[in-house]
Amino acid sequence: MSKINAWDWIAIVLVIIGGLNWGLVGLFNFDLVAAIFGQMSFLSKLVYDLVGLAALYMIYAAVKMSK
């Protein structure tokens, strides 16, 4: 079994942030990213993009681990 590298940790943290944010949106209609960085500001879009890329990376990591 291989160790978790820096990219794996970054992806894990970003996916957790995304999951928590979606949970807040679903339960309380509260977008934490927008509250911190502004509604669809450059930084908000950057966070959303990074979370999406992290999710894609996690798909790759899951496939790699399943082999």
N, C-alpha and C. Protein backbone atom coordinates (compact mmCIF):
# COMPACT_ATOMS: atom_id res chain seq x y z
N MET A 1 0.85 -1.18 0.00
CA MET A 1 0.00 0.00 0.00
C MET A 1 0.89 1.24 0.00
N SER A 2 0.59 2.16 -0.87
CA SER A 2 1.41 3.36 -0.97
C SER A 2 0.95 4.43 0.02
N LYS A 3 1.88 5.31 0.35
CA LYS A 3 1.56 6.40 1.26
C LYS A 3 0.77 7.47 0.53
N ILE A 4 0.05 8.25 1.30
CA ILE A 4 -0.71 9.36 0.73
C ILE A 4 0.26 10.51 0.48
N ASN A 5 0.28 11.01 -0.76
CA ASN A 5 1.19 12.10 -1.08
C ASN A 5 0.51 13.46 -0.89
N ALA A 6 1.24 14.52 -1.16
CA ALA A 6 0.72 15.87 -0.94
C ALA A 6 -0.51 16.16 -1.80
N TRP A 7 -0.49 15.72 -3.06
CA TRP A 7 -1.65 15.94 -3.94
C TRP A 7 -2.88 15.23 -3.41
N ASP A 8 -2.70 14.02 -2.89
CA ASP A 8 -3.82 13.29 -2.30
C ASP A 8 -4.42 14.07 -1.14
N TRP A 9 -3.57 14.58 -0.25
CA TRP A 9 -4.05 15.34 0.91
C TRP A 9 -4.78 16.61 0.49
N ILE A 10 -4.22 17.32 -0.49
CA ILE A 10 -4.87 18.54 -0.98
C ILE A 10 -6.25 18.21 -1.54
N ALA A 11 -6.32 17.14 -2.34
CA ALA A 11 -7.60 16.73 -2.92
C ALA A 11 -8.59 16.32 -1.84
N ILE A 12 -8.13 15.59 -0.85
CA ILE A 12 -9.01 15.15 0.24
C ILE A 12 -9.58 16.36 0.97
N VAL A 13 -8.73 17.31 1.32
CA VAL A 13 -9.19 18.51 2.04
C VAL A 13 -10.19 19.30 1.19
N LEU A 14 -9.89 19.48 -0.09
CA LEU A 14 -10.81 20.23 -0.95
C LEU A 14 -12.15 19.52 -1.13
N VAL A 15 -12.13 18.21 -1.25
CA VAL A 15 -13.39 17.47 -1.39
C VAL A 15 -14.19 17.55 -0.09
N ILE A 16 -13.53 17.51 1.04
CA ILE A 16 -14.22 17.67 2.32
C ILE A 16 -14.85 19.07 2.41
N ILE A 17 -14.09 20.10 2.02
CA ILE A 17 -14.63 21.46 2.02
C ILE A 17 -15.87 21.53 1.12
N GLY A 18 -15.75 20.96 -0.07
CA GLY A 18 -16.90 20.96 -0.98
C GLY A 18 -18.09 20.21 -0.43
N GLY A 19 -17.84 19.07 0.19
CA GLY A 19 -18.93 18.29 0.77
C GLY A 19 -19.62 19.02 1.92
N LEU A 20 -18.82 19.64 2.77
CA LEU A 20 -19.40 20.41 3.88
C LEU A 20 -20.19 21.60 3.36
N ASN A 21 -19.66 22.27 2.33
CA ASN A 21 -20.37 23.41 1.77
C ASN A 21 -21.71 22.98 1.17
N TRP A 22 -21.70 21.87 0.42
CA TRP A 22 -22.96 21.38 -0.15
C TRP A 22 -23.94 20.94 0.94
N GLY A 23 -23.41 20.38 2.02
CA GLY A 23 -24.28 20.03 3.15
C GLY A 23 -24.95 21.25 3.75
N LEU A 24 -24.18 22.32 3.91
CA LEU A 24 -24.74 23.57 4.42
C LEU A 24 -25.78 24.16 3.47
N VAL A 25 -25.51 24.07 2.17
CA VAL A 25 -26.47 24.57 1.18
C VAL A 25 -27.76 23.75 1.26
N GLY A 26 -27.63 22.44 1.33
CA GLY A 26 -28.81 21.58 1.36
C GLY A 26 -29.62 21.71 2.64
N LEU A 27 -28.93 21.78 3.77
CA LEU A 27 -29.64 21.81 5.05
C LEU A 27 -30.14 23.19 5.44
N PHE A 28 -29.33 24.22 5.16
CA PHE A 28 -29.64 25.55 5.67
C PHE A 28 -29.71 26.63 4.60
N ASN A 29 -29.55 26.24 3.33
CA ASN A 29 -29.53 27.20 2.23
C ASN A 29 -28.46 28.28 2.48
N PHE A 30 -27.30 27.84 2.99
CA PHE A 30 -26.20 28.75 3.33
C PHE A 30 -24.95 28.30 2.60
N ASP A 31 -24.44 29.16 1.74
CA ASP A 31 -23.23 28.88 0.96
C ASP A 31 -22.05 29.53 1.68
N LEU A 32 -21.26 28.74 2.38
CA LEU A 32 -20.15 29.25 3.18
C LEU A 32 -19.08 29.89 2.30
N VAL A 33 -18.80 29.29 1.16
CA VAL A 33 -17.78 29.85 0.25
C VAL A 33 -18.20 31.25 -0.20
N ALA A 34 -19.46 31.40 -0.59
CA ALA A 34 -19.96 32.71 -1.02
C ALA A 34 -19.96 33.69 0.15
N ALA A 35 -20.26 33.21 1.34
CA ALA A 35 -20.27 34.09 2.51
C ALA A 35 -18.87 34.61 2.83
N ILE A 36 -17.85 33.78 2.60
CA ILE A 36 -16.48 34.18 2.90
C ILE A 36 -15.89 35.03 1.79
N PHE A 37 -16.06 34.60 0.53
CA PHE A 37 -15.37 35.23 -0.60
C PHE A 37 -16.25 36.11 -1.47
N GLY A 38 -17.56 36.11 -1.24
CA GLY A 38 -18.47 36.90 -2.06
C GLY A 38 -19.18 36.02 -3.08
N GLN A 39 -20.40 36.43 -3.39
CA GLN A 39 -21.22 35.66 -4.33
C GLN A 39 -20.60 35.70 -5.72
N MET A 40 -20.12 34.58 -6.19
CA MET A 40 -19.51 34.38 -7.51
C MET A 40 -18.38 35.37 -7.80
N SER A 41 -17.62 35.69 -6.76
CA SER A 41 -16.41 36.49 -6.96
C SER A 41 -15.34 35.60 -7.59
N PHE A 42 -14.23 36.21 -7.97
CA PHE A 42 -13.14 35.43 -8.54
C PHE A 42 -12.67 34.35 -7.57
N LEU A 43 -12.55 34.70 -6.29
CA LEU A 43 -12.07 33.72 -5.30
C LEU A 43 -13.09 32.59 -5.09
N SER A 44 -14.37 32.93 -5.09
CA SER A 44 -15.39 31.89 -4.96
C SER A 44 -15.32 30.92 -6.14
N LYS A 45 -15.22 31.48 -7.35
CA LYS A 45 -15.12 30.62 -8.53
C LYS A 45 -13.87 29.76 -8.47
N LEU A 46 -12.77 30.33 -7.99
CA LEU A 46 -11.53 29.58 -7.87
C LEU A 46 -11.71 28.40 -6.90
N VAL A 47 -12.35 28.65 -5.76
CA VAL A 47 -12.58 27.57 -4.80
C VAL A 47 -13.46 26.50 -5.42
N TYR A 48 -14.55 26.89 -6.09
CA TYR A 48 -15.42 25.91 -6.72
C TYR A 48 -14.67 25.10 -7.78
N ASP A 49 -13.84 25.78 -8.58
CA ASP A 49 -13.05 25.08 -9.60
C ASP A 49 -12.08 24.09 -8.97
N LEU A 50 -11.40 24.51 -7.91
CA LEU A 50 -10.44 23.63 -7.24
C LEU A 50 -11.13 22.42 -6.61
N VAL A 51 -12.30 22.63 -6.04
CA VAL A 51 -13.06 21.52 -5.46
C VAL A 51 -13.46 20.54 -6.57
N GLY A 52 -13.90 21.05 -7.71
CA GLY A 52 -14.26 20.18 -8.83
C GLY A 52 -13.08 19.39 -9.35
N LEU A 53 -11.94 20.06 -9.49
CA LEU A 53 -10.72 19.37 -9.93
C LEU A 53 -10.28 18.32 -8.91
N ALA A 54 -10.44 18.65 -7.63
CA ALA A 54 -10.08 17.68 -6.59
C ALA A 54 -10.98 16.45 -6.67
N ALA A 55 -12.25 16.66 -6.96
CA ALA A 55 -13.16 15.51 -7.09
C ALA A 55 -12.75 14.63 -8.26
N LEU A 56 -12.36 15.25 -9.38
CA LEU A 56 -11.87 14.46 -10.51
C LEU A 56 -10.61 13.70 -10.14
N TYR A 57 -9.71 14.35 -9.42
CA TYR A 57 -8.49 13.68 -8.98
C TYR A 57 -8.82 12.51 -8.05
N MET A 58 -9.82 12.68 -7.19
CA MET A 58 -10.20 11.60 -6.28
C MET A 58 -10.76 10.40 -7.05
N ILE A 59 -11.42 10.65 -8.17
CA ILE A 59 -11.86 9.53 -9.01
C ILE A 59 -10.65 8.78 -9.53
N TYR A 60 -9.66 9.52 -10.02
CA TYR A 60 -8.42 8.90 -10.49
C TYR A 60 -7.75 8.11 -9.37
N ALA A 61 -7.67 8.70 -8.17
CA ALA A 61 -7.02 8.04 -7.04
C ALA A 61 -7.76 6.77 -6.64
N ALA A 62 -9.10 6.83 -6.67
CA ALA A 62 -9.89 5.65 -6.30
C ALA A 62 -9.66 4.52 -7.29
N VAL A 63 -9.59 4.84 -8.58
CA VAL A 63 -9.34 3.81 -9.59
C VAL A 63 -7.94 3.25 -9.40
N LYS A 64 -6.97 4.12 -9.14
CA LYS A 64 -5.59 3.68 -8.93
C LYS A 64 -5.49 2.76 -7.71
N MET A 65 -6.21 3.08 -6.64
CA MET A 65 -6.17 2.26 -5.42
C MET A 65 -6.86 0.92 -5.60
N SER A 66 -7.82 0.86 -6.51
CA SER A 66 -8.59 -0.37 -6.67
C SER A 66 -7.83 -1.43 -7.46
N LYS A 67 -6.71 -1.05 -8.04
CA LYS A 67 -5.93 -2.01 -8.84
C LYS A 67 -4.97 -2.77 -7.98
